[in-house]
Protein backbone atom coordinates (compact mmCIF):
# COMPACT_ATOMS: atom_id res chain seq x y z
CA MET A 1 -56.58 32.72 2.19
CA SER A 2 -57.02 31.22 5.63
CA ILE A 3 -59.39 28.30 6.11
CA SER A 4 -61.01 27.86 9.51
CA GLU A 5 -60.85 24.45 11.18
CA ILE A 6 -62.91 22.69 13.79
CA SER A 7 -61.96 19.67 15.89
CA ILE A 8 -63.92 16.44 16.00
CA SER A 9 -65.08 17.13 19.56
CA GLU A 10 -66.29 20.60 18.52
CA LEU A 11 -68.13 19.13 15.53
CA ALA A 12 -69.73 16.43 17.69
CA ALA A 13 -71.05 19.11 20.06
CA LEU A 14 -72.94 20.93 17.29
CA ALA A 15 -76.68 20.40 16.84
CA GLU A 16 -77.35 19.16 13.29
CA PRO A 17 -74.34 20.61 11.47
CA THR A 18 -74.33 20.65 7.67
CA ILE A 19 -71.49 18.35 6.58
CA ILE A 20 -70.06 17.52 3.17
CA ASP A 21 -67.91 14.38 3.05
CA VAL A 22 -65.42 14.69 0.18
CA ARG A 23 -64.12 11.12 0.35
CA GLU A 24 -64.72 8.75 -2.53
CA VAL A 25 -68.04 6.89 -2.61
CA ASP A 26 -66.57 3.58 -1.39
CA GLU A 27 -65.01 5.32 1.61
CA TYR A 28 -68.27 7.13 2.39
CA VAL A 29 -70.35 3.94 2.13
CA SER A 30 -68.02 2.11 4.53
CA GLY A 31 -68.79 4.62 7.28
CA HIS A 32 -69.50 8.34 7.58
CA VAL A 33 -70.63 10.96 10.05
CA PRO A 34 -74.44 10.70 10.34
CA GLY A 35 -76.14 13.22 8.07
CA ALA A 36 -73.07 13.92 5.95
CA ILE A 37 -73.64 14.45 2.24
CA ASN A 38 -71.13 12.82 -0.12
CA ILE A 39 -69.59 14.93 -2.88
CA ALA A 40 -66.22 13.34 -3.62
CA LEU A 41 -63.29 15.71 -4.09
CA SER A 42 -62.70 14.09 -7.49
CA GLU A 43 -66.21 15.22 -8.52
CA LEU A 44 -66.27 18.59 -6.76
CA VAL A 45 -65.44 20.71 -9.81
CA GLY A 46 -68.75 21.08 -11.59
CA ARG A 47 -70.81 20.27 -8.49
CA GLU A 48 -70.03 23.41 -6.50
CA ASP A 49 -73.65 24.57 -6.83
CA GLU A 50 -74.63 21.63 -4.58
CA CYS A 51 -72.41 22.92 -1.77
CA GLY A 52 -74.21 26.14 -0.82
CA LEU A 53 -76.20 24.37 1.87
CA GLY A 54 -76.40 27.16 4.44
CA SER A 55 -74.31 29.86 6.04
CA THR A 56 -71.81 27.38 7.50
CA VAL A 57 -70.81 24.06 5.95
CA TYR A 58 -68.34 21.67 7.55
CA VAL A 59 -66.16 19.70 5.13
CA ILE A 60 -64.72 16.34 6.17
CA CYS A 61 -62.58 13.61 4.59
CA GLN A 62 -60.58 10.77 6.16
CA VAL A 63 -57.84 12.79 7.87
CA GLY A 64 -58.24 16.46 6.85
CA GLY A 65 -56.14 17.02 3.73
CA ARG A 66 -58.74 16.56 1.02
CA SER A 67 -61.32 18.51 2.98
CA LEU A 68 -58.85 21.37 3.40
CA ARG A 69 -58.32 21.46 -0.39
CA ALA A 70 -62.10 21.34 -0.92
CA CYS A 71 -62.63 24.26 1.48
CA GLY A 72 -59.98 26.26 -0.35
CA HIS A 73 -61.61 25.61 -3.71
CA LEU A 74 -65.19 26.25 -2.56
CA SER A 75 -64.13 29.50 -0.89
CA THR A 76 -63.11 30.88 -4.30
CA ILE A 77 -66.50 30.32 -5.96
CA PRO A 78 -68.34 33.68 -6.23
CA ALA A 79 -71.79 32.05 -6.11
CA LEU A 80 -70.89 30.59 -2.68
CA ASN A 81 -69.78 33.89 -1.10
CA GLY A 82 -72.54 33.65 1.51
CA THR A 83 -71.28 30.28 2.77
CA THR A 84 -68.37 29.71 5.14
CA PHE A 85 -66.61 26.38 4.61
CA ILE A 86 -64.87 24.97 7.68
CA ASN A 87 -62.39 22.11 7.55
CA VAL A 88 -62.86 19.24 10.02
CA ALA A 89 -59.39 18.49 11.39
CA GLY A 90 -58.77 14.80 11.99
CA GLY A 91 -61.54 13.75 9.63
CA THR A 92 -63.71 10.66 9.73
CA GLY A 93 -60.79 8.59 11.01
CA MET A 94 -60.62 10.65 14.20
CA TRP A 95 -64.44 10.71 14.43
CA ILE A 96 -64.34 6.90 14.61
CA VAL A 97 -61.35 6.81 17.00
CA GLU A 98 -63.22 9.12 19.39
CA GLY A 99 -66.13 6.65 19.40
CA HIS A 100 -68.81 8.72 17.70
CA GLU A 101 -71.72 7.15 15.81
CA VAL A 102 -71.09 6.16 12.20
CA THR A 103 -73.61 5.56 9.43
CA THR A 104 -72.91 3.01 6.70
CA GLY A 105 -74.47 2.84 3.26
CA ASP A 106 -74.83 5.31 0.44
CA THR A 107 -77.38 7.74 1.80
CA ALA A 108 -77.08 10.57 4.28
CA SER A 109 -79.25 10.12 7.32
């Protein structure tokens, strides 16, 4: 199975993308892409039904490894067949390095 990837600059150019941040809660609270929804990779199994948020969902972590694993897992769930999960290469770390806006706290905005 091949997982599609998008760069940080490509993600930043999208108008209101649907993003799931699979980092742990403390990482998410310290700073995340505005609007991202937190479902930690460690909690993903059993919460897959929360991930069918549209036809395309971008999955981000700190660097790109956990989000790649999350995309692989979510792509195998039959109930999510109508959703394409795309890994965000470079993750939140690169988002910050490139100078994009970051939201802190525990709620998506």
